[in-house]
Amino acid sequence: MRFHHIGIVCDKKLLKKLRIEKKIDSTYIDKYQKNRLSFYLDQKSKILYEFIFPLNKYSTTYNFFKKNGNGIHHYAYEVKNLKKIIIRYENKKNFIYINSYSAKIKYLGGKIKTCFFYYKKNIIEFIEIEK
């Protein structure tokens, strides 16, 4: 397991403020979660940022944004076997399974499987990239 990215729920104003709007590497419309995902790899720190824009009130991040505004939504870790991770963490104290889904995101290497857990006021995403 290795750190993969930070997910930040935001609006376009934040990207302008950070002056990275034109540096976005890729954008993906997530029809399952009803979000627009914009990816930015900071070359200096080598940290991948996923900027998440809720598309409508049915978005999985709409309530988060409405309540908190711009902010860190989740931390993501790349894993080799998502099924094993789900089994392992479903039974751990303080971990609450949220959901999982698959998508094809070219920027992330193709088909991905992902799941989310809530843990002590944080959301953790585990992501398996099929190669």
N, C-alpha and C. Protein backbone atom coordinates (compact mmCIF):
# COMPACT_ATOMS: atom_id res chain seq x y z
N MET A 1 0.85 -1.17 0.00
CA MET A 1 0.00 0.00 0.00
C MET A 1 0.90 1.24 0.00
N ARG A 2 0.57 2.16 -0.91
CA ARG A 2 1.34 3.41 -0.96
C ARG A 2 0.39 4.58 -1.16
N PHE A 3 0.79 5.74 -0.69
CA PHE A 3 -0.02 6.93 -0.84
C PHE A 3 -0.20 7.23 -2.32
N HIS A 4 -1.43 7.58 -2.73
CA HIS A 4 -1.72 7.84 -4.13
C HIS A 4 -2.10 9.29 -4.40
N HIS A 5 -3.10 9.83 -3.69
CA HIS A 5 -3.50 11.21 -3.93
C HIS A 5 -4.31 11.79 -2.77
N ILE A 6 -4.52 13.09 -2.85
CA ILE A 6 -5.40 13.81 -1.92
C ILE A 6 -6.61 14.27 -2.73
N GLY A 7 -7.81 13.99 -2.24
CA GLY A 7 -9.03 14.44 -2.88
C GLY A 7 -9.54 15.71 -2.20
N ILE A 8 -9.73 16.77 -2.98
CA ILE A 8 -10.16 18.06 -2.44
C ILE A 8 -11.46 18.47 -3.13
N VAL A 9 -12.51 18.64 -2.35
CA VAL A 9 -13.77 19.14 -2.90
C VAL A 9 -13.65 20.66 -2.98
N CYS A 10 -14.01 21.20 -4.14
CA CYS A 10 -13.81 22.64 -4.32
C CYS A 10 -14.69 23.21 -5.41
N ASP A 11 -14.55 24.51 -5.59
CA ASP A 11 -15.18 25.20 -6.69
C ASP A 11 -14.08 25.82 -7.55
N LYS A 12 -14.44 26.37 -8.69
CA LYS A 12 -13.46 26.94 -9.62
C LYS A 12 -12.67 28.09 -9.00
N LYS A 13 -13.28 28.80 -8.06
CA LYS A 13 -12.60 29.93 -7.42
C LYS A 13 -11.31 29.49 -6.72
N LEU A 14 -11.34 28.30 -6.13
CA LEU A 14 -10.16 27.81 -5.42
C LEU A 14 -9.01 27.59 -6.40
N LEU A 15 -9.30 26.99 -7.56
CA LEU A 15 -8.23 26.75 -8.54
C LEU A 15 -7.63 28.07 -9.01
N LYS A 16 -8.46 29.07 -9.20
CA LYS A 16 -7.96 30.39 -9.60
C LYS A 16 -7.08 30.98 -8.51
N LYS A 17 -7.54 30.85 -7.27
CA LYS A 17 -6.78 31.38 -6.13
C LYS A 17 -5.42 30.70 -6.01
N LEU A 18 -5.39 29.39 -6.25
CA LEU A 18 -4.14 28.63 -6.16
C LEU A 18 -3.26 28.79 -7.40
N ARG A 19 -3.84 29.42 -8.44
CA ARG A 19 -3.14 29.64 -9.71
C ARG A 19 -2.71 28.35 -10.40
N ILE A 20 -3.56 27.36 -10.34
CA ILE A 20 -3.25 26.10 -11.01
C ILE A 20 -4.30 25.71 -12.03
N GLU A 21 -5.27 26.58 -12.24
CA GLU A 21 -6.36 26.28 -13.17
C GLU A 21 -5.84 25.84 -14.54
N LYS A 22 -4.80 26.49 -15.02
CA LYS A 22 -4.24 26.16 -16.34
C LYS A 22 -3.24 25.01 -16.30
N LYS A 23 -2.93 24.54 -15.09
CA LYS A 23 -1.96 23.46 -14.94
C LYS A 23 -2.62 22.08 -14.78
N ILE A 24 -3.94 22.04 -14.82
CA ILE A 24 -4.66 20.78 -14.66
C ILE A 24 -4.21 19.81 -15.76
N ASP A 25 -3.84 18.61 -15.35
CA ASP A 25 -3.33 17.61 -16.29
C ASP A 25 -4.44 16.87 -17.04
N SER A 26 -5.56 16.63 -16.36
CA SER A 26 -6.64 15.85 -16.96
C SER A 26 -7.94 16.09 -16.20
N THR A 27 -9.06 15.96 -16.91
CA THR A 27 -10.37 16.09 -16.29
C THR A 27 -11.22 14.89 -16.70
N TYR A 28 -12.02 14.43 -15.76
CA TYR A 28 -12.87 13.26 -15.98
C TYR A 28 -14.25 13.53 -15.37
N ILE A 29 -15.30 13.23 -16.09
CA ILE A 29 -16.65 13.35 -15.56
C ILE A 29 -17.04 11.99 -15.00
N ASP A 30 -17.22 11.93 -13.69
CA ASP A 30 -17.59 10.70 -13.00
C ASP A 30 -19.11 10.62 -12.94
N LYS A 31 -19.69 9.85 -13.85
CA LYS A 31 -21.15 9.75 -13.93
C LYS A 31 -21.74 8.98 -12.75
N TYR A 32 -20.96 8.08 -12.18
CA TYR A 32 -21.44 7.29 -11.04
C TYR A 32 -21.62 8.18 -9.81
N GLN A 33 -20.60 8.99 -9.51
CA GLN A 33 -20.65 9.85 -8.32
C GLN A 33 -21.16 11.26 -8.61
N LYS A 34 -21.36 11.55 -9.89
CA LYS A 34 -21.85 12.85 -10.34
C LYS A 34 -20.93 14.00 -9.91
N ASN A 35 -19.65 13.79 -10.22
CA ASN A 35 -18.62 14.78 -9.93
C ASN A 35 -17.75 15.00 -11.16
N ARG A 36 -17.17 16.17 -11.26
CA ARG A 36 -16.11 16.39 -12.23
C ARG A 36 -14.80 16.29 -11.46
N LEU A 37 -13.89 15.46 -11.95
CA LEU A 37 -12.60 15.26 -11.31
C LEU A 37 -11.51 15.89 -12.16
N SER A 38 -10.72 16.76 -11.56
CA SER A 38 -9.59 17.36 -12.26
C SER A 38 -8.33 16.98 -11.52
N PHE A 39 -7.35 16.48 -12.26
CA PHE A 39 -6.12 15.97 -11.66
C PHE A 39 -4.96 16.92 -11.92
N TYR A 40 -4.15 17.08 -10.89
CA TYR A 40 -2.97 17.93 -10.99
C TYR A 40 -1.83 17.27 -10.22
N LEU A 41 -0.73 17.01 -10.90
CA LEU A 41 0.46 16.45 -10.25
C LEU A 41 1.44 17.58 -10.02
N ASP A 42 1.70 17.88 -8.75
CA ASP A 42 2.68 18.90 -8.41
C ASP A 42 4.08 18.32 -8.64
N GLN A 43 4.77 18.85 -9.62
CA GLN A 43 6.08 18.30 -10.01
C GLN A 43 7.12 18.42 -8.90
N LYS A 44 7.02 19.46 -8.11
CA LYS A 44 8.01 19.67 -7.05
C LYS A 44 7.86 18.64 -5.92
N SER A 45 6.64 18.48 -5.43
CA SER A 45 6.42 17.57 -4.30
C SER A 45 6.06 16.16 -4.73
N LYS A 46 5.69 15.99 -6.02
CA LYS A 46 5.23 14.71 -6.57
C LYS A 46 3.93 14.23 -5.92
N ILE A 47 3.14 15.18 -5.43
CA ILE A 47 1.84 14.84 -4.85
C ILE A 47 0.77 15.03 -5.92
N LEU A 48 -0.10 14.03 -6.05
CA LEU A 48 -1.21 14.10 -7.00
C LEU A 48 -2.43 14.64 -6.25
N TYR A 49 -3.03 15.66 -6.84
CA TYR A 49 -4.24 16.25 -6.28
C TYR A 49 -5.42 15.93 -7.19
N GLU A 50 -6.51 15.54 -6.58
CA GLU A 50 -7.76 15.30 -7.30
C GLU A 50 -8.74 16.38 -6.82
N PHE A 51 -9.03 17.32 -7.69
CA PHE A 51 -9.99 18.37 -7.36
C PHE A 51 -11.37 17.88 -7.78
N ILE A 52 -12.30 17.86 -6.84
CA ILE A 52 -13.62 17.28 -7.04
C ILE A 52 -14.66 18.39 -7.04
N PHE A 53 -15.39 18.49 -8.14
CA PHE A 53 -16.43 19.50 -8.29
C PHE A 53 -17.78 18.79 -8.36
N PRO A 54 -18.65 18.99 -7.37
CA PRO A 54 -19.99 18.38 -7.44
C PRO A 54 -20.74 18.94 -8.65
N LEU A 55 -21.36 18.06 -9.43
CA LEU A 55 -22.08 18.49 -10.63
C LEU A 55 -23.52 18.93 -10.33
N ASN A 56 -24.12 18.37 -9.29
CA ASN A 56 -25.49 18.73 -8.93
C ASN A 56 -25.77 18.27 -7.51
N LYS A 57 -27.01 18.44 -7.06
CA LYS A 57 -27.35 18.09 -5.68
C LYS A 57 -27.35 16.58 -5.42
N TYR A 58 -27.26 15.77 -6.46
CA TYR A 58 -27.19 14.32 -6.31
C TYR A 58 -25.75 13.80 -6.23
N SER A 59 -24.81 14.70 -6.35
CA SER A 59 -23.39 14.36 -6.28
C SER A 59 -23.04 13.78 -4.91
N THR A 60 -22.09 12.85 -4.90
CA THR A 60 -21.66 12.26 -3.63
C THR A 60 -20.92 13.26 -2.75
N THR A 61 -20.49 14.39 -3.31
CA THR A 61 -19.76 15.38 -2.52
C THR A 61 -20.55 16.68 -2.33
N TYR A 62 -21.77 16.72 -2.82
CA TYR A 62 -22.58 17.94 -2.74
C TYR A 62 -22.78 18.41 -1.30
N ASN A 63 -23.22 17.50 -0.42
CA ASN A 63 -23.46 17.88 0.97
C ASN A 63 -22.18 18.28 1.69
N PHE A 64 -21.08 17.60 1.37
CA PHE A 64 -19.79 17.95 1.96
C PHE A 64 -19.44 19.40 1.61
N PHE A 65 -19.58 19.74 0.33
CA PHE A 65 -19.24 21.10 -0.11
C PHE A 65 -20.20 22.13 0.49
N LYS A 66 -21.46 21.80 0.54
CA LYS A 66 -22.45 22.73 1.08
C LYS A 66 -22.17 23.01 2.56
N LYS A 67 -21.77 21.98 3.29
CA LYS A 67 -21.51 22.12 4.73
C LYS A 67 -20.14 22.73 5.02
N ASN A 68 -19.10 22.30 4.28
CA ASN A 68 -17.72 22.67 4.61
C ASN A 68 -17.06 23.65 3.65
N GLY A 69 -17.61 23.79 2.46
CA GLY A 69 -16.94 24.60 1.45
C GLY A 69 -15.74 23.85 0.90
N ASN A 70 -14.75 24.57 0.40
CA ASN A 70 -13.54 23.95 -0.13
C ASN A 70 -12.80 23.23 0.99
N GLY A 71 -12.32 22.01 0.70
CA GLY A 71 -11.55 21.32 1.73
C GLY A 71 -11.18 19.91 1.34
N ILE A 72 -10.27 19.35 2.13
CA ILE A 72 -9.82 17.98 1.91
C ILE A 72 -10.99 17.03 2.18
N HIS A 73 -11.25 16.20 1.21
CA HIS A 73 -12.35 15.23 1.30
C HIS A 73 -11.83 13.85 1.69
N HIS A 74 -10.71 13.44 1.06
CA HIS A 74 -10.19 12.10 1.36
C HIS A 74 -8.69 11.99 1.04
N TYR A 75 -8.11 10.95 1.60
CA TYR A 75 -6.74 10.55 1.30
C TYR A 75 -6.83 9.19 0.62
N ALA A 76 -6.07 9.01 -0.46
CA ALA A 76 -6.17 7.76 -1.23
C ALA A 76 -4.86 6.99 -1.20
N TYR A 77 -5.00 5.67 -1.13
CA TYR A 77 -3.86 4.76 -1.12
C TYR A 77 -4.04 3.72 -2.20
N GLU A 78 -2.98 3.48 -2.95
CA GLU A 78 -3.01 2.46 -3.99
C GLU A 78 -2.72 1.10 -3.36
N VAL A 79 -3.54 0.11 -3.73
CA VAL A 79 -3.38 -1.24 -3.21
C VAL A 79 -3.33 -2.23 -4.37
N LYS A 80 -2.85 -3.43 -4.09
CA LYS A 80 -2.75 -4.44 -5.14
C LYS A 80 -4.01 -5.30 -5.25
N ASN A 81 -4.73 -5.49 -4.14
CA ASN A 81 -5.91 -6.34 -4.15
C ASN A 81 -7.02 -5.68 -3.33
N LEU A 82 -7.93 -5.03 -4.02
CA LEU A 82 -8.99 -4.28 -3.35
C LEU A 82 -9.93 -5.19 -2.56
N LYS A 83 -10.21 -6.37 -3.08
CA LYS A 83 -11.11 -7.29 -2.36
C LYS A 83 -10.56 -7.62 -0.97
N LYS A 84 -9.27 -7.89 -0.89
CA LYS A 84 -8.64 -8.20 0.39
C LYS A 84 -8.71 -7.01 1.34
N ILE A 85 -8.52 -5.83 0.81
CA ILE A 85 -8.57 -4.61 1.63
C ILE A 85 -9.97 -4.41 2.20
N ILE A 86 -10.99 -4.61 1.37
CA ILE A 86 -12.36 -4.44 1.84
C ILE A 86 -12.66 -5.43 2.97
N ILE A 87 -12.29 -6.68 2.78
CA ILE A 87 -12.51 -7.69 3.81
C ILE A 87 -11.76 -7.32 5.10
N ARG A 88 -10.53 -6.90 4.95
CA ARG A 88 -9.69 -6.55 6.10
C ARG A 88 -10.26 -5.38 6.90
N TYR A 89 -10.68 -4.32 6.23
CA TYR A 89 -11.11 -3.12 6.93
C TYR A 89 -12.59 -3.12 7.32
N GLU A 90 -13.41 -3.92 6.66
CA GLU A 90 -14.82 -4.02 7.06
C GLU A 90 -14.96 -4.51 8.50
N ASN A 91 -14.02 -5.34 8.92
CA ASN A 91 -14.08 -5.95 10.24
C ASN A 91 -13.25 -5.23 11.29
N LYS A 92 -12.60 -4.12 10.91
CA LYS A 92 -11.79 -3.38 11.87
C LYS A 92 -12.64 -2.37 12.61
N LYS A 93 -12.32 -2.20 13.88
CA LYS A 93 -13.03 -1.24 14.72
C LYS A 93 -12.82 0.18 14.17
N ASN A 94 -13.87 0.96 14.20
CA ASN A 94 -13.87 2.37 13.78
C ASN A 94 -13.83 2.59 12.27
N PHE A 95 -13.77 1.54 11.47
CA PHE A 95 -13.83 1.69 10.01
C PHE A 95 -15.26 1.42 9.55
N ILE A 96 -15.82 2.35 8.79
CA ILE A 96 -17.17 2.20 8.27
C ILE A 96 -17.09 2.22 6.75
N TYR A 97 -17.54 1.13 6.15
CA TYR A 97 -17.54 1.02 4.69
C TYR A 97 -18.57 1.98 4.10
N ILE A 98 -18.17 2.76 3.09
CA ILE A 98 -19.09 3.70 2.45
C ILE A 98 -19.61 3.13 1.14
N ASN A 99 -18.72 2.91 0.18
CA ASN A 99 -19.12 2.34 -1.11
C ASN A 99 -17.89 1.97 -1.93
N SER A 100 -18.15 1.34 -3.07
CA SER A 100 -17.08 1.02 -4.00
C SER A 100 -17.65 1.04 -5.41
N TYR A 101 -16.78 1.25 -6.37
CA TYR A 101 -17.19 1.25 -7.78
C TYR A 101 -15.96 1.12 -8.66
N SER A 102 -16.20 0.93 -9.96
CA SER A 102 -15.13 0.84 -10.95
C SER A 102 -15.32 1.95 -11.97
N ALA A 103 -14.22 2.37 -12.56
CA ALA A 103 -14.27 3.41 -13.60
C ALA A 103 -13.06 3.24 -14.51
N LYS A 104 -13.14 3.85 -15.66
CA LYS A 104 -12.02 3.84 -16.58
C LYS A 104 -11.52 5.28 -16.70
N ILE A 105 -10.41 5.55 -16.03
CA ILE A 105 -9.84 6.89 -16.00
C ILE A 105 -8.44 6.81 -16.61
N LYS A 106 -8.34 7.21 -17.84
CA LYS A 106 -7.10 7.10 -18.60
C LYS A 106 -5.91 7.72 -17.85
N TYR A 107 -6.12 8.87 -17.24
CA TYR A 107 -5.04 9.57 -16.55
C TYR A 107 -4.45 8.73 -15.41
N LEU A 108 -5.30 7.91 -14.78
CA LEU A 108 -4.83 7.08 -13.67
C LEU A 108 -4.31 5.72 -14.12
N GLY A 109 -4.26 5.51 -15.42
CA GLY A 109 -3.69 4.27 -15.93
C GLY A 109 -4.69 3.30 -16.54
N GLY A 110 -5.94 3.70 -16.62
CA GLY A 110 -6.94 2.82 -17.23
C GLY A 110 -8.05 2.49 -16.26
N LYS A 111 -8.41 1.21 -16.20
CA LYS A 111 -9.51 0.80 -15.34
C LYS A 111 -9.07 0.77 -13.88
N ILE A 112 -9.90 1.37 -13.04
CA ILE A 112 -9.61 1.38 -11.60
C ILE A 112 -10.79 0.77 -10.86
N LYS A 113 -10.48 0.21 -9.71
CA LYS A 113 -11.50 -0.20 -8.75
C LYS A 113 -11.18 0.60 -7.50
N THR A 114 -12.22 1.10 -6.86
CA THR A 114 -11.99 1.94 -5.70
C THR A 114 -13.05 1.71 -4.63
N CYS A 115 -12.69 1.93 -3.38
CA CYS A 115 -13.65 1.86 -2.29
C CYS A 115 -13.31 2.93 -1.27
N PHE A 116 -14.33 3.30 -0.52
CA PHE A 116 -14.17 4.36 0.48
C PHE A 116 -14.58 3.85 1.85
N PHE A 117 -13.82 4.26 2.86
CA PHE A 117 -14.12 3.97 4.25
C PHE A 117 -14.09 5.27 5.04
N TYR A 118 -14.94 5.35 6.04
CA TYR A 118 -14.93 6.46 6.98
C TYR A 118 -14.17 5.98 8.20
N TYR A 119 -13.19 6.76 8.66
CA TYR A 119 -12.38 6.37 9.81
C TYR A 119 -12.01 7.60 10.63
N LYS A 120 -12.55 7.68 11.83
CA LYS A 120 -12.23 8.76 12.76
C LYS A 120 -12.25 10.15 12.11
N LYS A 121 -13.39 10.50 11.57
CA LYS A 121 -13.63 11.81 10.95
C LYS A 121 -12.86 12.03 9.64
N ASN A 122 -12.34 10.97 9.05
CA ASN A 122 -11.63 11.06 7.77
C ASN A 122 -12.21 10.04 6.80
N ILE A 123 -12.12 10.37 5.52
CA ILE A 123 -12.49 9.41 4.48
C ILE A 123 -11.20 8.91 3.84
N ILE A 124 -11.12 7.59 3.73
CA ILE A 124 -9.94 6.97 3.13
C ILE A 124 -10.42 6.21 1.89
N GLU A 125 -9.73 6.45 0.80
CA GLU A 125 -10.02 5.74 -0.44
C GLU A 125 -8.90 4.74 -0.69
N PHE A 126 -9.28 3.53 -1.07
CA PHE A 126 -8.32 2.53 -1.51
C PHE A 126 -8.57 2.34 -3.00
N ILE A 127 -7.51 2.34 -3.78
CA ILE A 127 -7.65 2.29 -5.23
C ILE A 127 -6.74 1.20 -5.80
N GLU A 128 -7.33 0.36 -6.65
CA GLU A 128 -6.56 -0.67 -7.37
C GLU A 128 -6.58 -0.31 -8.84
N ILE A 129 -5.40 -0.18 -9.41
CA ILE A 129 -5.29 0.17 -10.84
C ILE A 129 -4.96 -1.10 -11.60
N GLU A 130 -5.86 -1.47 -12.51
CA GLU A 130 -5.64 -2.68 -13.30
C GLU A 130 -4.67 -2.35 -14.43
N LYS A 131 -3.62 -3.12 -14.52
CA LYS A 131 -2.59 -2.86 -15.54
C LYS A 131 -2.59 -3.91 -16.59
